[in-house]
Amino acid sequence: MSEETERAELLAALHAAGAASEDDERELEALLEADPSLEQLVKDFEDSIAALASSFEPLETSPRTLGKIKKQIAQEKGGVLARLRAWFSKP
């Protein structure tokens, strides 16, 4: 397996799990433009994540905890500047 294919698999998995950064997403888009056959790889990961997620019973999460989780995800997806802003805005 080539390094490019391994990288595409990693990026596809991150994308499907909702854990890809903006840079990861741009890199994946570039790889997909260069090799449209990778679309199936991305779809396979998305289908696998969806099947896995649907196999569990949903857990009740308090609104406060859910808010913290969403804020953390937004900060991590925002890159270094967002993390710095969040760090400086801590009480």
N, C-alpha and C. Protein backbone atom coordinates (compact mmCIF):
# COMPACT_ATOMS: atom_id res chain seq x y z
N MET A 1 0.85 -1.18 0.00
CA MET A 1 0.00 0.00 0.00
C MET A 1 0.90 1.24 0.00
N SER A 2 0.57 2.20 -0.83
CA SER A 2 1.39 3.40 -0.95
C SER A 2 1.12 4.34 0.23
N GLU A 3 2.06 5.23 0.43
CA GLU A 3 1.90 6.22 1.51
C GLU A 3 0.69 7.10 1.25
N GLU A 4 0.47 7.43 -0.04
CA GLU A 4 -0.67 8.28 -0.39
C GLU A 4 -1.99 7.58 -0.06
N THR A 5 -2.06 6.28 -0.32
CA THR A 5 -3.27 5.53 -0.01
C THR A 5 -3.47 5.44 1.50
N GLU A 6 -2.40 5.20 2.23
CA GLU A 6 -2.50 5.15 3.69
C GLU A 6 -2.96 6.50 4.24
N ARG A 7 -2.42 7.58 3.69
CA ARG A 7 -2.80 8.92 4.14
C ARG A 7 -4.28 9.17 3.81
N ALA A 8 -4.71 8.75 2.63
CA ALA A 8 -6.11 8.92 2.24
C ALA A 8 -7.02 8.15 3.18
N GLU A 9 -6.62 6.94 3.56
CA GLU A 9 -7.43 6.14 4.49
C GLU A 9 -7.54 6.83 5.84
N LEU A 10 -6.43 7.35 6.33
CA LEU A 10 -6.46 8.06 7.62
C LEU A 10 -7.37 9.27 7.54
N LEU A 11 -7.22 10.06 6.49
CA LEU A 11 -8.05 11.26 6.35
C LEU A 11 -9.53 10.91 6.17
N ALA A 12 -9.80 9.84 5.43
CA ALA A 12 -11.19 9.40 5.24
C ALA A 12 -11.80 8.97 6.57
N ALA A 13 -11.03 8.26 7.37
CA ALA A 13 -11.51 7.82 8.68
C ALA A 13 -11.78 9.02 9.59
N LEU A 14 -10.85 9.98 9.60
CA LEU A 14 -11.05 11.18 10.42
C LEU A 14 -12.29 11.95 9.96
N HIS A 15 -12.43 12.08 8.65
CA HIS A 15 -13.59 12.78 8.09
C HIS A 15 -14.89 12.10 8.50
N ALA A 16 -14.94 10.78 8.33
CA ALA A 16 -16.16 10.03 8.64
C ALA A 16 -16.52 10.13 10.13
N ALA A 17 -15.50 10.20 10.97
CA ALA A 17 -15.74 10.27 12.42
C ALA A 17 -16.01 11.70 12.88
N GLY A 18 -15.89 12.66 11.96
CA GLY A 18 -16.10 14.06 12.34
C GLY A 18 -14.94 14.63 13.10
N ALA A 19 -13.76 14.03 12.96
CA ALA A 19 -12.60 14.45 13.73
C ALA A 19 -11.52 15.10 12.86
N ALA A 20 -11.80 15.34 11.60
CA ALA A 20 -10.80 15.94 10.71
C ALA A 20 -10.75 17.44 10.93
N SER A 21 -9.53 17.97 10.95
CA SER A 21 -9.35 19.42 11.05
C SER A 21 -9.64 20.04 9.68
N GLU A 22 -9.66 21.35 9.63
CA GLU A 22 -9.87 22.04 8.35
C GLU A 22 -8.75 21.69 7.38
N ASP A 23 -7.53 21.62 7.87
CA ASP A 23 -6.40 21.24 7.02
C ASP A 23 -6.56 19.81 6.50
N ASP A 24 -7.00 18.91 7.38
CA ASP A 24 -7.24 17.52 6.97
C ASP A 24 -8.29 17.47 5.86
N GLU A 25 -9.36 18.23 6.03
CA GLU A 25 -10.44 18.24 5.04
C GLU A 25 -9.94 18.76 3.69
N ARG A 26 -9.12 19.81 3.71
CA ARG A 26 -8.57 20.35 2.47
C ARG A 26 -7.66 19.32 1.80
N GLU A 27 -6.84 18.66 2.60
CA GLU A 27 -5.94 17.64 2.04
C GLU A 27 -6.74 16.49 1.44
N LEU A 28 -7.80 16.07 2.12
CA LEU A 28 -8.64 14.99 1.60
C LEU A 28 -9.29 15.42 0.29
N GLU A 29 -9.79 16.65 0.22
CA GLU A 29 -10.40 17.14 -1.01
C GLU A 29 -9.39 17.12 -2.16
N ALA A 30 -8.14 17.52 -1.89
CA ALA A 30 -7.11 17.51 -2.92
C ALA A 30 -6.83 16.08 -3.40
N LEU A 31 -6.78 15.15 -2.47
CA LEU A 31 -6.56 13.75 -2.84
C LEU A 31 -7.72 13.21 -3.66
N LEU A 32 -8.95 13.60 -3.30
CA LEU A 32 -10.12 13.15 -4.05
C LEU A 32 -10.15 13.73 -5.46
N GLU A 33 -9.70 14.98 -5.60
CA GLU A 33 -9.65 15.58 -6.93
C GLU A 33 -8.61 14.86 -7.80
N ALA A 34 -7.49 14.48 -7.18
CA ALA A 34 -6.43 13.79 -7.92
C ALA A 34 -6.81 12.36 -8.25
N ASP A 35 -7.61 11.73 -7.39
CA ASP A 35 -7.99 10.33 -7.60
C ASP A 35 -9.44 10.12 -7.17
N PRO A 36 -10.38 10.35 -8.09
CA PRO A 36 -11.81 10.22 -7.74
C PRO A 36 -12.21 8.83 -7.23
N SER A 37 -11.40 7.82 -7.49
CA SER A 37 -11.75 6.48 -6.98
C SER A 37 -11.70 6.42 -5.46
N LEU A 38 -11.08 7.41 -4.83
CA LEU A 38 -11.03 7.45 -3.37
C LEU A 38 -12.38 7.79 -2.76
N GLU A 39 -13.32 8.28 -3.59
CA GLU A 39 -14.68 8.57 -3.09
C GLU A 39 -15.30 7.34 -2.44
N GLN A 40 -15.06 6.18 -3.03
CA GLN A 40 -15.61 4.94 -2.47
C GLN A 40 -15.01 4.65 -1.10
N LEU A 41 -13.73 4.94 -0.95
CA LEU A 41 -13.06 4.76 0.34
C LEU A 41 -13.73 5.63 1.41
N VAL A 42 -13.97 6.88 1.07
CA VAL A 42 -14.62 7.80 2.01
C VAL A 42 -16.03 7.29 2.34
N LYS A 43 -16.77 6.86 1.32
CA LYS A 43 -18.12 6.35 1.54
C LYS A 43 -18.10 5.11 2.44
N ASP A 44 -17.13 4.23 2.23
CA ASP A 44 -17.02 3.03 3.07
C ASP A 44 -16.80 3.39 4.53
N PHE A 45 -15.93 4.36 4.79
CA PHE A 45 -15.69 4.79 6.17
C PHE A 45 -16.94 5.44 6.75
N GLU A 46 -17.61 6.27 5.97
CA GLU A 46 -18.84 6.91 6.46
C GLU A 46 -19.90 5.85 6.80
N ASP A 47 -20.05 4.86 5.93
CA ASP A 47 -21.01 3.80 6.19
C ASP A 47 -20.65 2.99 7.44
N SER A 48 -19.36 2.73 7.61
CA SER A 48 -18.91 1.97 8.79
C SER A 48 -19.17 2.75 10.08
N ILE A 49 -18.88 4.04 10.06
CA ILE A 49 -19.12 4.87 11.25
C ILE A 49 -20.62 4.93 11.55
N ALA A 50 -21.43 5.09 10.51
CA ALA A 50 -22.88 5.15 10.71
C ALA A 50 -23.41 3.83 11.28
N ALA A 51 -22.91 2.71 10.77
CA ALA A 51 -23.35 1.40 11.28
C ALA A 51 -22.93 1.22 12.73
N LEU A 52 -21.72 1.62 13.04
CA LEU A 52 -21.23 1.50 14.41
C LEU A 52 -22.05 2.37 15.35
N ALA A 53 -22.28 3.61 14.94
CA ALA A 53 -23.04 4.53 15.79
C ALA A 53 -24.46 4.05 16.03
N SER A 54 -25.07 3.46 15.01
CA SER A 54 -26.45 3.02 15.16
C SER A 54 -26.57 1.74 15.98
N SER A 55 -25.45 1.10 16.28
CA SER A 55 -25.51 -0.14 17.04
C SER A 55 -25.55 0.09 18.55
N PHE A 56 -25.42 1.34 18.99
CA PHE A 56 -25.43 1.66 20.41
C PHE A 56 -26.70 2.41 20.78
N GLU A 57 -27.17 2.18 21.99
CA GLU A 57 -28.28 2.95 22.51
C GLU A 57 -27.77 4.35 22.85
N PRO A 58 -28.56 5.38 22.53
CA PRO A 58 -28.11 6.74 22.86
C PRO A 58 -28.03 6.95 24.37
N LEU A 59 -27.06 7.73 24.79
CA LEU A 59 -26.90 8.07 26.19
C LEU A 59 -27.47 9.45 26.45
N GLU A 60 -28.03 9.63 27.62
CA GLU A 60 -28.53 10.94 28.01
C GLU A 60 -27.34 11.79 28.45
N THR A 61 -27.23 12.98 27.89
CA THR A 61 -26.15 13.89 28.24
C THR A 61 -26.78 15.18 28.72
N SER A 62 -26.27 15.68 29.83
CA SER A 62 -26.83 16.92 30.35
C SER A 62 -26.52 18.06 29.38
N PRO A 63 -27.40 19.06 29.32
CA PRO A 63 -27.16 20.19 28.42
C PRO A 63 -25.82 20.88 28.70
N ARG A 64 -25.44 20.95 29.96
CA ARG A 64 -24.17 21.59 30.32
C ARG A 64 -22.99 20.81 29.74
N THR A 65 -23.00 19.49 29.91
CA THR A 65 -21.93 18.65 29.39
C THR A 65 -21.90 18.70 27.87
N LEU A 66 -23.07 18.64 27.25
CA LEU A 66 -23.14 18.71 25.80
C LEU A 66 -22.59 20.04 25.28
N GLY A 67 -22.89 21.11 25.98
CA GLY A 67 -22.36 22.43 25.61
C GLY A 67 -20.85 22.47 25.67
N LYS A 68 -20.27 21.88 26.72
CA LYS A 68 -18.82 21.83 26.85
C LYS A 68 -18.19 21.02 25.72
N ILE A 69 -18.81 19.90 25.39
CA ILE A 69 -18.31 19.05 24.31
C ILE A 69 -18.33 19.81 22.98
N LYS A 70 -19.45 20.46 22.68
CA LYS A 70 -19.57 21.21 21.43
C LYS A 70 -18.54 22.35 21.37
N LYS A 71 -18.34 23.01 22.48
CA LYS A 71 -17.36 24.11 22.52
C LYS A 71 -15.95 23.57 22.26
N GLN A 72 -15.62 22.44 22.87
CA GLN A 72 -14.29 21.84 22.68
C GLN A 72 -14.09 21.43 21.22
N ILE A 73 -15.11 20.83 20.63
CA ILE A 73 -15.02 20.42 19.22
C ILE A 73 -14.81 21.64 18.33
N ALA A 74 -15.56 22.70 18.57
CA ALA A 74 -15.43 23.92 17.77
C ALA A 74 -14.04 24.51 17.91
N GLN A 75 -13.50 24.47 19.11
CA GLN A 75 -12.16 25.01 19.33
C GLN A 75 -11.11 24.18 18.60
N GLU A 76 -11.24 22.87 18.67
CA GLU A 76 -10.26 22.00 18.02
C GLU A 76 -10.35 22.09 16.51
N LYS A 77 -11.54 22.22 15.97
CA LYS A 77 -11.70 22.36 14.52
C LYS A 77 -11.23 23.73 14.05
N GLY A 78 -11.22 24.70 14.94
CA GLY A 78 -10.82 26.05 14.58
C GLY A 78 -9.32 26.23 14.46
N GLY A 79 -8.55 25.26 14.86
CA GLY A 79 -7.10 25.33 14.74
C GLY A 79 -6.44 26.03 15.91
N VAL A 80 -5.20 26.39 15.70
CA VAL A 80 -4.37 26.95 16.76
C VAL A 80 -4.92 28.28 17.28
N LEU A 81 -5.37 29.15 16.39
CA LEU A 81 -5.86 30.46 16.84
C LEU A 81 -7.07 30.33 17.75
N ALA A 82 -7.98 29.44 17.40
CA ALA A 82 -9.16 29.24 18.25
C ALA A 82 -8.76 28.70 19.61
N ARG A 83 -7.79 27.78 19.64
CA ARG A 83 -7.34 27.23 20.93
C ARG A 83 -6.67 28.30 21.76
N LEU A 84 -5.90 29.19 21.12
CA LEU A 84 -5.26 30.28 21.85
C LEU A 84 -6.30 31.23 22.43
N ARG A 85 -7.31 31.58 21.59
CA ARG A 85 -8.37 32.46 22.07
C ARG A 85 -9.08 31.84 23.27
N ALA A 86 -9.36 30.55 23.18
CA ALA A 86 -10.05 29.87 24.28
C ALA A 86 -9.19 29.85 25.53
N TRP A 87 -7.90 29.64 25.35
CA TRP A 87 -7.00 29.58 26.50
C TRP A 87 -6.95 30.94 27.20
N PHE A 88 -6.89 32.03 26.41
CA PHE A 88 -6.82 33.36 26.99
C PHE A 88 -8.14 33.81 27.58
N SER A 89 -9.25 33.21 27.15
CA SER A 89 -10.55 33.61 27.66
C SER A 89 -11.00 32.79 28.86
N LYS A 90 -10.17 31.85 29.30
CA LYS A 90 -10.54 31.05 30.48
C LYS A 90 -10.60 31.95 31.71
N PRO A 91 -11.60 31.72 32.55
CA PRO A 91 -11.74 32.57 33.75
C PRO A 91 -10.66 32.30 34.77
